[in-house]
Protein backbone atom coordinates (compact mmCIF):
# COMPACT_ATOMS: atom_id res chain seq x y z
CA MET A 1 32.52 -2.46 7.10
CA GLU A 2 31.70 1.15 6.23
CA LEU A 3 28.33 2.79 5.65
CA ARG A 4 29.56 3.96 2.26
CA GLN A 5 30.33 0.39 1.24
CA ILE A 6 26.84 -0.73 2.24
CA LYS A 7 25.19 2.05 0.24
CA TYR A 8 27.31 1.26 -2.82
CA PHE A 9 26.51 -2.44 -2.47
CA ILE A 10 22.74 -1.81 -2.27
CA GLU A 11 22.80 0.48 -5.32
CA VAL A 12 24.75 -2.04 -7.43
CA ALA A 13 22.45 -4.87 -6.29
CA LYS A 14 19.39 -2.83 -7.23
CA ARG A 15 20.66 -1.87 -10.70
CA GLU A 16 22.72 -4.99 -11.46
CA HIS A 17 25.18 -2.72 -13.24
CA VAL A 18 28.23 -1.03 -11.70
CA THR A 19 28.35 1.90 -14.14
CA GLU A 20 24.66 2.72 -13.69
CA ALA A 21 25.06 2.51 -9.91
CA ALA A 22 28.08 4.83 -10.03
CA ASN A 23 26.13 7.35 -12.12
CA ALA A 24 23.21 7.24 -9.66
CA LEU A 25 25.62 7.75 -6.75
CA HIS A 26 27.52 10.52 -8.60
CA VAL A 27 30.88 8.85 -8.05
CA ALA A 28 33.45 7.21 -10.30
CA GLN A 29 32.87 3.63 -11.41
CA SER A 30 36.31 2.69 -10.12
CA ALA A 31 35.38 3.93 -6.65
CA VAL A 32 32.27 1.74 -6.58
CA SER A 33 34.17 -1.30 -7.87
CA ARG A 34 36.92 -0.79 -5.30
CA GLN A 35 34.50 -0.51 -2.37
CA ILE A 36 32.58 -3.62 -3.48
CA PHE A 37 35.87 -5.52 -3.78
CA ASN A 38 36.94 -4.35 -0.29
CA LEU A 39 33.57 -5.40 1.15
CA GLU A 40 33.84 -8.88 -0.38
CA GLU A 41 37.40 -9.18 0.88
CA GLU A 42 36.33 -8.27 4.40
CA LEU A 43 33.38 -10.70 4.37
CA GLY A 44 35.33 -13.47 2.67
CA VAL A 45 32.57 -14.25 0.15
CA ASP A 46 31.55 -13.26 -3.37
CA LEU A 47 28.45 -11.08 -3.25
CA PHE A 48 28.11 -10.79 -7.03
CA ILE A 49 28.48 -12.92 -10.11
CA ARG A 50 30.17 -10.83 -12.83
CA GLU A 51 28.69 -11.20 -16.33
CA GLY A 52 30.44 -8.72 -18.60
CA ARG A 53 29.23 -5.25 -17.69
CA THR A 54 26.36 -6.55 -15.62
CA VAL A 55 26.35 -8.27 -12.24
CA ARG A 56 23.85 -10.33 -10.28
CA LEU A 57 23.72 -11.33 -6.65
CA THR A 58 24.99 -14.67 -5.43
CA ARG A 59 22.79 -16.63 -3.04
CA ILE A 60 24.66 -15.26 -0.04
CA GLY A 61 24.58 -11.82 -1.68
CA LYS A 62 20.77 -11.90 -1.68
CA ILE A 63 20.73 -12.79 2.02
CA PHE A 64 23.25 -10.03 2.78
CA LEU A 65 21.15 -7.52 0.80
CA GLU A 66 18.04 -8.24 2.90
CA HIS A 67 19.96 -7.58 6.11
CA MET A 68 21.68 -4.45 4.78
CA GLU A 69 18.42 -2.92 3.55
CA ARG A 70 16.96 -3.34 7.02
CA ALA A 71 20.14 -1.89 8.54
CA ILE A 72 19.99 1.21 6.33
CA ASN A 73 16.33 1.71 7.20
CA VAL A 74 17.20 1.51 10.92
CA ILE A 75 19.99 4.07 10.46
CA ASP A 76 17.69 6.42 8.55
CA ASP A 77 15.06 6.05 11.26
CA ALA A 78 17.66 6.82 13.93
CA LYS A 79 18.63 10.04 12.15
CA GLN A 80 15.01 11.05 11.90
CA VAL A 81 14.35 10.26 15.57
CA VAL A 82 17.12 12.68 16.54
CA GLU A 83 15.71 15.37 14.25
CA GLU A 84 12.14 14.90 15.49
CA TYR A 85 13.09 14.62 19.15
CA VAL A 86 13.48 18.38 19.34
CA ASP A 87 10.08 19.02 17.71
CA PRO A 88 7.87 16.11 16.55
CA GLU A 89 5.42 18.62 15.09
CA LYS A 90 7.89 19.39 12.29
CA GLY A 91 8.84 15.87 11.22
CA THR A 92 8.17 13.79 8.10
CA ILE A 93 5.78 10.86 7.89
CA HIS A 94 6.31 8.08 5.35
CA ILE A 95 3.01 6.28 4.89
CA GLY A 96 1.79 3.58 2.54
CA PHE A 97 -1.76 3.24 1.27
CA SER A 98 -3.86 1.14 -1.07
CA ALA A 99 -5.51 2.54 -4.22
CA SER A 100 -9.05 2.35 -2.85
CA LEU A 101 -8.15 4.79 -0.06
CA ALA A 102 -6.42 7.36 -2.26
CA SER A 103 -9.37 9.50 -3.32
CA TYR A 104 -11.07 10.29 -0.01
CA ILE A 105 -10.06 8.50 3.20
CA LEU A 106 -6.35 9.26 3.40
CA PRO A 107 -6.53 12.81 1.97
CA THR A 108 -9.29 13.67 4.47
CA ALA A 109 -7.28 12.38 7.43
CA ILE A 110 -4.13 14.20 6.30
CA TYR A 111 -6.09 17.43 5.72
CA TYR A 112 -7.42 17.54 9.27
CA PHE A 113 -4.09 16.45 10.75
CA ARG A 114 -2.23 19.25 8.96
CA LYS A 115 -4.78 21.78 10.16
CA GLN A 116 -3.52 20.90 13.62
CA TYR A 117 0.14 20.30 12.69
CA PRO A 118 0.81 22.41 9.57
CA ASP A 119 4.59 21.91 9.55
CA VAL A 120 4.50 18.11 9.28
CA LYS A 121 5.48 16.75 5.87
CA PHE A 122 4.21 13.55 4.23
CA VAL A 123 5.82 11.11 1.82
CA LEU A 124 3.07 8.93 0.34
CA ASN A 125 3.68 5.48 -1.12
CA GLN A 126 0.87 3.72 -2.99
CA GLY A 127 1.16 -0.04 -3.26
CA SER A 128 -0.69 -3.31 -3.50
CA TYR A 129 -1.92 -5.10 -0.39
CA SER A 130 1.04 -7.49 -0.21
CA GLU A 131 3.56 -4.76 -1.11
CA LEU A 132 2.39 -2.58 1.78
CA ILE A 133 2.64 -5.40 4.31
CA GLU A 134 6.10 -6.31 3.06
CA ALA A 135 7.23 -2.66 3.16
CA VAL A 136 6.24 -2.36 6.83
CA ILE A 137 7.94 -5.63 7.72
CA LYS A 138 11.17 -4.64 5.92
CA GLY A 139 11.22 -1.15 7.44
CA GLU A 140 10.74 0.77 4.20
CA ILE A 141 7.74 2.47 5.87
CA ASN A 142 6.39 2.28 9.40
CA ILE A 143 2.67 2.91 8.78
CA ALA A 144 0.35 1.65 6.07
CA ILE A 145 -3.39 2.21 5.67
CA LEU A 146 -5.21 -0.61 3.91
CA GLY A 147 -8.33 -2.74 3.82
CA PRO A 148 -9.23 -5.32 4.79
CA ILE A 149 -7.07 -5.58 7.89
CA PRO A 150 -4.66 -8.54 7.54
CA ALA A 151 -4.67 -11.39 9.99
CA GLU A 152 -2.34 -10.86 12.94
CA GLN A 153 1.26 -11.62 12.08
CA GLU A 154 4.36 -11.79 14.24
CA LYS A 155 5.97 -8.70 12.70
CA ILE A 156 2.99 -6.36 12.25
CA LYS A 157 0.26 -4.99 14.50
CA SER A 158 -3.13 -4.10 13.03
CA THR A 159 -5.64 -1.52 14.23
CA VAL A 160 -9.16 -1.32 12.79
CA LEU A 161 -10.07 2.29 12.05
CA PHE A 162 -13.55 1.71 10.61
CA THR A 163 -15.66 -0.71 8.59
CA GLU A 164 -17.36 0.19 5.33
CA ASP A 165 -20.04 -1.26 3.08
CA ILE A 166 -19.26 -2.73 -0.30
CA ILE A 167 -21.96 -1.70 -2.75
CA ALA A 168 -22.89 -2.50 -6.34
CA LEU A 169 -22.07 0.01 -9.08
CA LEU A 170 -24.28 -0.52 -12.14
CA PRO A 171 -24.77 1.28 -15.46
CA THR A 172 -27.93 3.38 -15.52
CA ASN A 173 -29.41 1.17 -18.24
CA HIS A 174 -29.05 -1.99 -16.14
CA PRO A 175 -32.36 -3.83 -15.45
CA LEU A 176 -31.77 -3.47 -11.68
CA SER A 177 -30.71 0.18 -11.75
CA ARG A 178 -34.01 1.49 -10.29
CA ARG A 179 -33.98 -0.85 -7.31
CA SER A 180 -33.36 0.52 -3.80
CA SER A 181 -31.33 -2.59 -2.93
CA ILE A 182 -30.36 -5.91 -4.48
CA LYS A 183 -29.22 -9.37 -3.53
CA LEU A 184 -25.77 -10.39 -4.75
CA ILE A 185 -27.19 -13.52 -6.40
CA GLU A 186 -29.16 -11.25 -8.76
CA LEU A 187 -25.90 -10.31 -10.49
CA ARG A 188 -24.89 -13.89 -11.24
CA ASP A 189 -25.50 -13.53 -15.00
CA ASP A 190 -23.77 -10.17 -15.35
CA SER A 191 -20.33 -9.37 -16.68
CA PHE A 192 -18.08 -8.04 -13.93
CA VAL A 193 -15.37 -5.40 -14.03
CA LEU A 194 -12.80 -6.18 -11.32
CA PHE A 195 -9.23 -5.64 -10.27
CA PRO A 196 -6.75 -8.20 -11.72
CA LYS A 197 -5.81 -11.35 -9.82
CA GLY A 198 -3.57 -10.61 -6.87
CA PHE A 199 -5.56 -7.56 -5.71
CA ILE A 200 -7.17 -8.10 -2.31
CA LEU A 201 -10.44 -6.34 -3.23
CA ARG A 202 -10.94 -8.82 -6.06
CA ASP A 203 -10.48 -11.67 -3.56
CA VAL A 204 -13.10 -10.15 -1.24
CA ILE A 205 -15.62 -9.87 -4.10
CA MET A 206 -14.89 -13.34 -5.48
CA GLU A 207 -15.32 -14.88 -2.02
CA GLY A 208 -18.65 -13.09 -1.54
CA CYS A 209 -19.94 -14.36 -4.87
CA LEU A 210 -18.75 -17.91 -4.25
CA GLN A 211 -20.54 -17.91 -0.90
CA ARG A 212 -23.72 -17.18 -2.86
CA GLY A 213 -23.08 -20.10 -5.19
CA PHE A 214 -21.74 -18.48 -8.34
CA GLN A 215 -18.44 -17.61 -9.96
CA PRO A 216 -18.57 -14.09 -11.37
CA LYS A 217 -17.86 -13.77 -15.08
CA VAL A 218 -15.02 -11.25 -15.30
CA SER A 219 -15.09 -9.56 -18.70
CA PHE A 220 -12.83 -6.60 -17.98
CA GLU A 221 -10.10 -5.78 -15.49
CA GLY A 222 -8.71 -2.46 -14.30
CA LYS A 223 -5.67 -1.76 -12.11
CA ASP A 224 -7.17 1.33 -10.52
CA LEU A 225 -10.62 2.41 -9.39
CA ASP A 226 -10.95 5.14 -12.01
CA ALA A 227 -10.48 2.60 -14.79
CA ILE A 228 -13.04 0.25 -13.23
CA LYS A 229 -15.58 3.05 -12.75
CA GLY A 230 -15.02 4.17 -16.34
CA LEU A 231 -15.73 0.71 -17.73
CA VAL A 232 -18.95 0.47 -15.72
CA SER A 233 -19.88 3.99 -16.85
CA ALA A 234 -19.45 2.84 -20.46
CA GLY A 235 -21.92 0.02 -19.84
CA LEU A 236 -19.35 -2.76 -20.12
CA GLY A 237 -20.22 -4.51 -16.86
CA VAL A 238 -21.00 -4.16 -13.16
CA THR A 239 -18.70 -4.01 -10.19
CA LEU A 240 -18.64 -4.11 -6.40
CA ILE A 241 -16.64 -1.38 -4.69
CA PRO A 242 -16.28 0.17 -1.22
CA GLU A 243 -18.92 2.87 -0.87
CA VAL A 244 -16.40 5.40 0.38
CA THR A 245 -14.67 5.41 -3.02
CA ILE A 246 -17.65 7.20 -4.59
CA VAL A 247 -18.69 9.26 -1.57
CA ASP A 248 -18.03 12.57 -3.30
CA CYS A 249 -18.39 11.67 -6.99
CA LEU A 250 -20.70 9.11 -8.59
CA PRO A 251 -19.37 8.25 -12.06
CA ARG A 252 -21.37 9.41 -15.05
CA ALA A 253 -24.17 7.08 -16.22
CA THR A 254 -23.95 4.85 -13.13
CA VAL A 255 -26.00 4.16 -10.04
CA LYS A 256 -24.90 2.82 -6.66
CA ILE A 257 -27.13 0.27 -4.98
CA PRO A 258 -26.74 -1.32 -1.52
CA ILE A 259 -26.39 -5.10 -1.34
CA ILE A 260 -28.64 -6.57 1.35
CA GLU A 261 -27.81 -10.25 0.97
CA PRO A 262 -25.12 -10.73 1.99
CA ASN A 263 -24.23 -7.45 3.67
CA LEU A 264 -20.70 -7.16 2.33
CA LYS A 265 -18.26 -5.12 4.40
CA ARG A 266 -14.54 -4.67 4.76
CA SER A 267 -12.42 -3.42 7.61
CA VAL A 268 -10.01 -0.57 6.99
CA GLY A 269 -7.15 0.16 9.32
CA SER A 270 -3.48 0.72 9.95
CA ILE A 271 -0.57 -1.65 10.25
CA ILE A 272 2.65 -0.84 12.09
CA PRO A 273 5.74 -2.92 12.91
CA THR A 274 5.96 -4.87 16.15
CA GLU A 275 9.76 -4.93 16.16
CA ARG A 276 10.35 -1.18 15.73
CA GLU A 277 9.13 1.93 17.52
CA LEU A 278 7.28 4.50 15.47
CA LEU A 279 9.15 7.75 15.00
CA PRO A 280 7.90 10.65 17.15
CA THR A 281 5.93 12.33 14.34
CA GLU A 282 4.56 8.98 13.19
CA LYS A 283 3.29 8.30 16.72
CA LEU A 284 1.53 11.66 16.63
CA PHE A 285 -0.20 10.82 13.35
CA HIS A 286 -1.06 7.25 14.28
CA GLN A 287 -2.80 8.34 17.45
CA PHE A 288 -4.52 11.12 15.53
CA ILE A 289 -6.08 8.80 12.93
CA LYS A 290 -7.28 6.40 15.62
CA ASP A 291 -9.00 9.24 17.45
CA PHE A 292 -10.21 10.84 14.20
CA PHE A 293 -12.06 7.78 12.91
CA MET A 294 -13.41 6.94 16.34
CA ARG A 295 -14.97 10.42 16.53
CA LEU A 296 -16.21 10.14 12.95
CA GLU A 297 -17.90 6.78 13.60
CA HIS A 298 -19.47 8.14 16.79
CA TYR A 299 -20.82 11.16 14.86
CA GLN A 300 -22.24 8.98 12.05
CA ASN A 301 -24.00 6.70 14.57
């Protein structure tokens, strides 16, 4: 089994089309077909079902793909370890993050890290909560920053970096907009603007409301924080968001109000794999963010 065969196999599996895979790999279609045939001959199984010009994985092909993707990630990591061994201060960090951390938290941490290590490069990958966890487990990335911190799992290790308040964001013409604080139950008759189902922040908000005895009426949904803030700004509903997401910019025609009952919070932190070592530059960054947020929390207290 050759590395070239594995790469060709993964590309064909991803595109489900030999010609498109060959074009992406910048090789002849016949070369891709021949290597896939040789791989199947060596393994003694059919990895693909041929359907005209398209292909799809067999059951064993799907299992083989999972293992080969992990193998390629390990090989890529090994190459990077060798490169960074000489000088970890000039490596590349692949890091995943959730949307709610994109505007302030992660950029701030990277800014201060690069002041200390200006030659380090970053490759940023935004994803949903479940996508980030899966990416770390599969080896697509080795560090993800998200909130709340997931429950301990066999294949990932979590570190809490800080906790933050979840506050109410209301239109300025809302009856409660002049209050210094509110109880969550006071929003039971309002229309809510939330993330769609499947987003972890929506689950946190729904659980908080249910604990106070009401199911929030969701009138609008937005897949990113800017969309949600915009809908609230237009007077189309209220929302609950982490306070840090508006730390440097309160949306037009809105007010932020603390919630005192219950005191909603979420933990924010990092997840790393338990079955793989971080690369040298990644270790440098991971220790940096732990120290950075510890100092920041100490300063704020």
